[in-house]
Amino acid sequence: MNRQTVSSSNIHSIGYDPVSHTLEIVFLSGGIYQCRGLPVTVYQALMTAAFKGSYFYVSHSQCLSNREDWLIIRRGNPPLFNIANIYHALESCVAQLQATIG
């Protein structure tokens, strides 16, 4: 799977396989996780989000609601998501909505 390096405090790179609908995230901690069955729109939204890690955890938690959906390729230290990350993600979401609404 081809992955793109991203600017994030928790994520190193993100990839998506359109055949298997698999999202792959490589965390800065070294962990590599995959989630199957996600539409390409989740990947596209994640790649354009200002705060990618927080945006994924706040806006697209299909896999997070059931840990069994994750395929762990390599375990790393768990990513640190705190209230500040979530706040920034919400700010980003609100700003994107305001820009869309006009």
Protein backbone atom coordinates (compact mmCIF):
# COMPACT_ATOMS: atom_id res chain seq x y z
CA MET A 1 0.00 0.00 0.00
CA ASN A 2 1.33 3.43 -0.90
CA ARG A 3 1.29 5.87 1.99
CA GLN A 4 1.75 9.62 2.06
CA THR A 5 3.74 11.30 4.80
CA VAL A 6 1.58 13.86 6.61
CA SER A 7 2.11 16.78 8.94
CA SER A 8 0.74 15.62 12.29
CA SER A 9 1.79 15.43 15.91
CA ASN A 10 0.69 11.77 16.11
CA ILE A 11 0.58 10.33 12.58
CA HIS A 12 3.57 9.73 10.31
CA SER A 13 1.80 8.58 7.14
CA ILE A 14 -1.58 7.50 5.78
CA GLY A 15 -2.50 5.16 2.94
CA TYR A 16 -5.65 3.82 1.36
CA ASP A 17 -6.28 0.77 -0.82
CA PRO A 18 -9.39 1.33 -2.97
CA VAL A 19 -9.72 -2.37 -3.84
CA SER A 20 -10.05 -3.59 -0.25
CA HIS A 21 -11.28 -0.22 1.13
CA THR A 22 -8.47 -0.38 3.67
CA LEU A 23 -7.17 2.66 5.52
CA GLU A 24 -3.66 2.32 6.91
CA ILE A 25 -2.17 4.67 9.48
CA VAL A 26 1.46 4.72 10.58
CA PHE A 27 1.84 6.51 13.90
CA LEU A 28 4.95 8.37 14.99
CA SER A 29 5.12 5.87 17.83
CA GLY A 30 5.96 3.18 15.26
CA GLY A 31 2.59 1.46 15.26
CA ILE A 32 0.98 0.50 11.97
CA TYR A 33 -2.78 -0.05 11.98
CA GLN A 34 -5.24 -0.94 9.24
CA CYS A 35 -9.01 -0.74 9.12
CA ARG A 36 -10.94 -2.40 6.32
CA GLY A 37 -14.29 -1.46 4.87
CA LEU A 38 -13.97 2.32 4.99
CA PRO A 39 -15.13 4.40 2.02
CA VAL A 40 -12.57 6.50 0.16
CA THR A 41 -14.33 9.64 1.43
CA VAL A 42 -12.98 8.92 4.93
CA TYR A 43 -9.44 8.82 3.54
CA GLN A 44 -9.98 11.99 1.49
CA ALA A 45 -11.39 13.91 4.46
CA LEU A 46 -8.56 12.72 6.68
CA MET A 47 -5.92 13.83 4.17
CA THR A 48 -7.39 17.34 3.92
CA ALA A 49 -7.98 17.85 7.66
CA ALA A 50 -5.77 20.37 9.43
CA PHE A 51 -5.36 18.14 12.50
CA LYS A 52 -5.32 14.66 11.03
CA GLY A 53 -5.04 12.54 14.17
CA SER A 54 -7.68 14.40 16.09
CA TYR A 55 -9.94 14.72 13.06
CA PHE A 56 -9.90 10.98 12.55
CA TYR A 57 -10.62 10.20 16.19
CA VAL A 58 -13.38 12.79 16.48
CA SER A 59 -15.05 12.61 13.06
CA HIS A 60 -14.49 9.10 11.73
CA SER A 61 -14.58 6.58 14.52
CA GLN A 62 -16.10 3.65 12.64
CA CYS A 63 -13.10 1.48 13.52
CA LEU A 64 -12.56 2.97 16.95
CA SER A 65 -16.00 1.96 18.12
CA ASN A 66 -14.92 -1.66 17.74
CA ARG A 67 -11.24 -2.35 18.37
CA GLU A 68 -11.64 -5.75 16.68
CA ASP A 69 -11.93 -3.94 13.33
CA TRP A 70 -8.27 -2.88 13.54
CA LEU A 71 -5.58 -5.11 12.09
CA ILE A 72 -2.38 -4.35 13.96
CA ILE A 73 0.56 -4.69 11.57
CA ARG A 74 3.13 -3.47 14.08
CA ARG A 75 2.50 -2.34 17.61
CA GLY A 76 3.96 0.94 18.78
CA ASN A 77 3.49 3.08 21.83
CA PRO A 78 -0.15 4.23 21.90
CA PRO A 79 -0.69 7.66 20.37
CA LEU A 80 -1.41 10.41 22.84
CA PHE A 81 -4.70 12.16 22.26
CA ASN A 82 -5.68 14.66 24.87
CA ILE A 83 -8.31 17.31 25.28
CA ALA A 84 -6.15 19.90 23.49
CA ASN A 85 -5.94 17.69 20.39
CA ILE A 86 -9.69 17.16 20.41
CA TYR A 87 -10.31 20.91 20.91
CA HIS A 88 -8.11 21.74 17.90
CA ALA A 89 -9.92 19.13 15.81
CA LEU A 90 -13.29 20.60 16.72
CA GLU A 91 -12.05 24.10 15.90
CA SER A 92 -10.88 22.80 12.52
CA CYS A 93 -14.22 21.10 11.85
CA VAL A 94 -16.15 24.26 12.75
CA ALA A 95 -13.90 26.37 10.52
CA GLN A 96 -14.38 23.95 7.62
CA LEU A 97 -18.15 24.00 8.11
CA GLN A 98 -18.23 27.80 8.27
CA ALA A 99 -16.19 28.01 5.07
CA THR A 100 -18.55 25.58 3.36
CA ILE A 101 -21.70 27.35 4.51
CA GLY A 102 -20.25 30.71 3.63
